[in-house]
Amino acid sequence: MSDSDWPQRDRRRGGERRTGRDRRTSTRAAAGVPGGKERREAERRTGAERRNERGWQPVALEASVMAEFSPEQGLLAAARAAREFAQAHYSHFKVGAALETTDGTIVTGCNIENATYGLTLCAERVALVKALSEGHTMFTRIAVVADTAEPTPPCGSCRQLLWEYCGDIDVILGNPQKVTGHYRLHALFPIPFDRRLL
């Protein structure tokens, strides 16, 4: 067999040296995974399309919520649903957030804790980072839900990021039963440090 018969030849050892691309191609073929153009087309599907194929419930929930309730009630319902996914194994304090874009898209988040506590992610920041990573940059309001009788506003870190990326949006606070507070962000964050001071 000549050198031209091999995809790539390691002349020092006299054996075949398959490239990473060769191995990936053969593995995909064995698994029945499309390659080349078909694979690239599949990767272009939106996140929502991929989640719907897996039966991701919150996407369907958002549509039904907005159809059945007022916009404010729908946003709170989305935050309540997101709260159910909270990873609050240490504090057991579950929080859900729903951030609305100017085109009406709702992006949700929940708090995610860890053993160090210091690396905990608040629901508001999870929703904001998700929205930004999906290309959303213009926002109108956010709903935050916790199981408390009194309003539970965003923490200082969340207020800072919400101000920088969302501006003076509406902040709707609630619990599993009702609305507990309604503010503009500037009322919660009256003297912000932002790019105007840099």
Protein backbone atom coordinates (compact mmCIF):
# COMPACT_ATOMS: atom_id res chain seq x y z
CA MET A 1 0.00 0.00 0.00
CA SER A 2 1.38 3.39 -0.98
CA ASP A 3 1.50 6.51 1.13
CA SER A 4 -1.25 8.02 -0.98
CA ASP A 5 -3.64 5.27 0.24
CA TRP A 6 -3.51 6.60 3.80
CA PRO A 7 -5.26 9.78 5.05
CA GLN A 8 -2.02 10.72 6.78
CA ARG A 9 1.16 8.71 7.27
CA ASP A 10 3.59 8.73 10.19
CA ARG A 11 6.78 7.88 8.33
CA ARG A 12 8.83 7.63 11.52
CA ARG A 13 6.84 4.66 12.80
CA GLY A 14 5.54 3.34 9.53
CA GLY A 15 1.93 3.27 10.72
CA GLU A 16 -1.22 5.21 10.19
CA ARG A 17 -1.66 8.42 12.17
CA ARG A 18 -5.29 9.45 12.09
CA THR A 19 -6.03 13.09 12.67
CA GLY A 20 -8.59 14.32 15.18
CA ARG A 21 -10.84 15.25 12.29
CA ASP A 22 -10.61 11.71 10.86
CA ARG A 23 -11.57 10.22 14.21
CA ARG A 24 -14.50 12.61 14.69
CA THR A 25 -15.79 11.91 11.18
CA SER A 26 -15.67 8.14 11.61
CA THR A 27 -17.27 8.33 15.05
CA ARG A 28 -20.13 10.48 13.72
CA ALA A 29 -20.63 8.12 10.80
CA ALA A 30 -20.80 5.10 13.13
CA ALA A 31 -23.34 6.88 15.33
CA GLY A 32 -25.41 8.04 12.38
CA VAL A 33 -24.69 11.71 13.10
CA PRO A 34 -24.82 14.00 10.06
CA GLY A 35 -21.61 15.70 9.04
CA GLY A 36 -20.53 18.70 7.01
CA LYS A 37 -23.34 20.89 5.74
CA GLU A 38 -26.13 18.91 7.48
CA ARG A 39 -24.41 19.25 10.84
CA ARG A 40 -23.84 22.98 10.37
CA GLU A 41 -27.51 23.48 9.48
CA ALA A 42 -28.53 21.60 12.64
CA GLU A 43 -26.26 23.78 14.75
CA ARG A 44 -27.94 26.91 13.36
CA ARG A 45 -31.23 26.05 15.02
CA THR A 46 -32.24 28.50 17.68
CA GLY A 47 -32.00 27.68 21.36
CA ALA A 48 -35.80 27.72 21.61
CA GLU A 49 -36.10 25.15 18.81
CA ARG A 50 -33.62 22.83 20.50
CA ARG A 51 -35.35 23.20 23.87
CA ASN A 52 -38.77 22.53 22.32
CA GLU A 53 -37.47 19.32 20.74
CA ARG A 54 -36.44 18.15 24.21
CA GLY A 55 -39.85 19.04 25.61
CA TRP A 56 -38.58 21.97 27.69
CA GLN A 57 -41.72 23.06 29.55
CA PRO A 58 -41.04 26.72 30.46
CA VAL A 59 -41.06 27.74 26.77
CA ALA A 60 -44.61 26.43 26.36
CA LEU A 61 -45.55 27.88 29.73
CA GLU A 62 -44.50 31.39 28.74
CA ALA A 63 -46.77 31.36 25.69
CA SER A 64 -49.78 30.12 27.67
CA VAL A 65 -49.12 32.55 30.50
CA MET A 66 -49.07 35.57 28.21
CA ALA A 67 -52.30 34.44 26.55
CA GLU A 68 -54.25 33.90 29.79
CA PHE A 69 -53.11 36.77 32.01
CA SER A 70 -52.28 40.44 31.91
CA PRO A 71 -48.64 41.24 30.99
CA GLU A 72 -47.71 41.85 34.64
CA GLN A 73 -49.43 38.68 35.81
CA GLY A 74 -47.79 36.73 33.00
CA LEU A 75 -44.33 37.96 33.97
CA LEU A 76 -44.94 37.04 37.61
CA ALA A 77 -46.23 33.60 36.61
CA ALA A 78 -43.06 33.01 34.57
CA ALA A 79 -40.94 34.02 37.58
CA ARG A 80 -42.92 31.68 39.83
CA ALA A 81 -42.38 28.82 37.40
CA ALA A 82 -38.64 29.56 37.21
CA ARG A 83 -38.45 29.55 41.02
CA GLU A 84 -39.34 25.84 41.03
CA PHE A 85 -35.98 25.09 39.38
CA ALA A 86 -33.94 26.94 42.04
CA GLN A 87 -30.87 25.10 43.32
CA ALA A 88 -31.11 26.29 46.94
CA HIS A 89 -29.79 23.23 48.76
CA TYR A 90 -28.14 25.26 51.55
CA SER A 91 -30.37 28.26 52.29
CA HIS A 92 -33.60 26.67 51.01
CA PHE A 93 -34.51 30.20 49.92
CA LYS A 94 -35.81 29.82 46.38
CA VAL A 95 -36.04 32.80 44.06
CA GLY A 96 -37.31 33.08 40.50
CA ALA A 97 -36.91 35.95 38.05
CA ALA A 98 -38.42 36.78 34.67
CA LEU A 99 -36.87 39.49 32.52
CA GLU A 100 -38.92 40.95 29.67
CA THR A 101 -37.34 42.35 26.51
CA THR A 102 -38.74 45.20 24.44
CA ASP A 103 -40.07 42.72 21.87
CA GLY A 104 -42.00 40.80 24.56
CA THR A 105 -39.62 37.86 24.98
CA ILE A 106 -39.44 36.54 28.54
CA VAL A 107 -36.14 35.12 29.80
CA THR A 108 -36.24 33.40 33.19
CA GLY A 109 -33.70 32.57 35.85
CA CYS A 110 -33.48 31.03 39.32
CA ASN A 111 -30.91 31.22 42.10
CA ILE A 112 -28.14 28.63 41.96
CA GLU A 113 -26.22 28.02 45.19
CA ASN A 114 -23.01 26.16 45.94
CA ALA A 115 -21.18 25.01 49.05
CA THR A 116 -18.97 28.11 49.22
CA TYR A 117 -21.97 30.45 49.16
CA GLY A 118 -19.73 33.13 47.64
CA LEU A 119 -20.21 31.71 44.14
CA THR A 120 -23.99 31.69 44.40
CA LEU A 121 -25.81 33.18 41.40
CA CYS A 122 -28.96 35.19 42.03
CA ALA A 123 -32.04 34.59 39.92
CA GLU A 124 -31.92 38.12 38.49
CA ARG A 125 -28.34 37.73 37.28
CA VAL A 126 -29.05 34.30 35.80
CA ALA A 127 -31.96 35.74 33.80
CA LEU A 128 -29.89 38.74 32.68
CA VAL A 129 -26.87 36.70 31.60
CA LYS A 130 -29.11 34.24 29.73
CA ALA A 131 -30.82 37.10 27.92
CA LEU A 132 -27.57 38.83 26.98
CA SER A 133 -26.00 35.56 25.80
CA GLU A 134 -29.00 34.99 23.51
CA GLY A 135 -28.61 38.41 21.89
CA HIS A 136 -31.18 40.45 23.82
CA THR A 137 -30.02 43.93 24.78
CA MET A 138 -33.18 46.01 25.36
CA PHE A 139 -35.39 45.37 28.39
CA THR A 140 -38.57 46.80 29.90
CA ARG A 141 -39.04 45.13 33.27
CA ILE A 142 -38.19 42.26 35.57
CA ALA A 143 -40.31 40.24 38.00
CA VAL A 144 -38.74 38.67 41.07
CA VAL A 145 -40.57 36.08 43.18
CA ALA A 146 -39.66 34.67 46.59
CA ASP A 147 -41.75 33.01 49.30
CA THR A 148 -41.84 36.01 51.63
CA ALA A 149 -44.67 38.20 52.91
CA GLU A 150 -42.60 41.36 52.46
CA PRO A 151 -41.10 42.53 49.15
CA THR A 152 -37.77 40.83 48.34
CA PRO A 153 -35.84 43.23 46.09
CA PRO A 154 -32.70 42.41 44.09
CA CYS A 155 -29.44 42.46 46.05
CA GLY A 156 -26.82 45.16 45.46
CA SER A 157 -24.87 43.17 42.88
CA CYS A 158 -28.03 42.48 40.90
CA ARG A 159 -29.06 46.12 41.04
CA GLN A 160 -25.69 47.16 39.67
CA LEU A 161 -25.86 44.77 36.71
CA LEU A 162 -29.52 45.45 36.01
CA TRP A 163 -28.83 49.19 35.96
CA GLU A 164 -25.87 48.84 33.59
CA TYR A 165 -27.55 46.49 31.13
CA CYS A 166 -31.25 47.28 31.50
CA GLY A 167 -31.42 50.90 32.62
CA ASP A 168 -34.29 52.26 34.67
CA ILE A 169 -36.66 49.34 34.21
CA ASP A 170 -39.74 48.38 36.21
CA VAL A 171 -39.10 45.94 39.06
CA ILE A 172 -42.14 43.87 40.05
CA LEU A 173 -41.80 41.91 43.29
CA GLY A 174 -44.06 39.08 44.31
CA ASN A 175 -44.53 35.86 46.21
CA PRO A 176 -46.35 32.67 45.16
CA GLN A 177 -49.72 34.31 45.83
CA LYS A 178 -49.57 38.01 44.95
CA VAL A 179 -47.66 41.15 44.04
CA THR A 180 -45.73 42.53 47.03
CA GLY A 181 -44.07 45.58 45.49
CA HIS A 182 -43.63 47.63 42.34
CA TYR A 183 -40.66 49.98 41.82
CA ARG A 184 -38.59 51.71 39.21
CA LEU A 185 -34.98 50.61 39.42
CA HIS A 186 -33.76 54.15 40.16
CA ALA A 187 -35.79 54.05 43.40
CA LEU A 188 -33.88 50.96 44.51
CA PHE A 189 -30.55 52.20 43.16
CA PRO A 190 -30.65 56.00 43.50
CA ILE A 191 -26.97 56.97 43.07
CA PRO A 192 -25.48 54.35 40.73
CA PHE A 193 -21.87 54.02 39.68
CA ASP A 194 -21.91 53.52 35.93
CA ARG A 195 -20.11 54.38 32.71
CA ARG A 196 -20.98 58.07 33.05
CA LEU A 197 -18.40 58.29 35.84
CA LEU A 198 -15.58 56.57 33.93
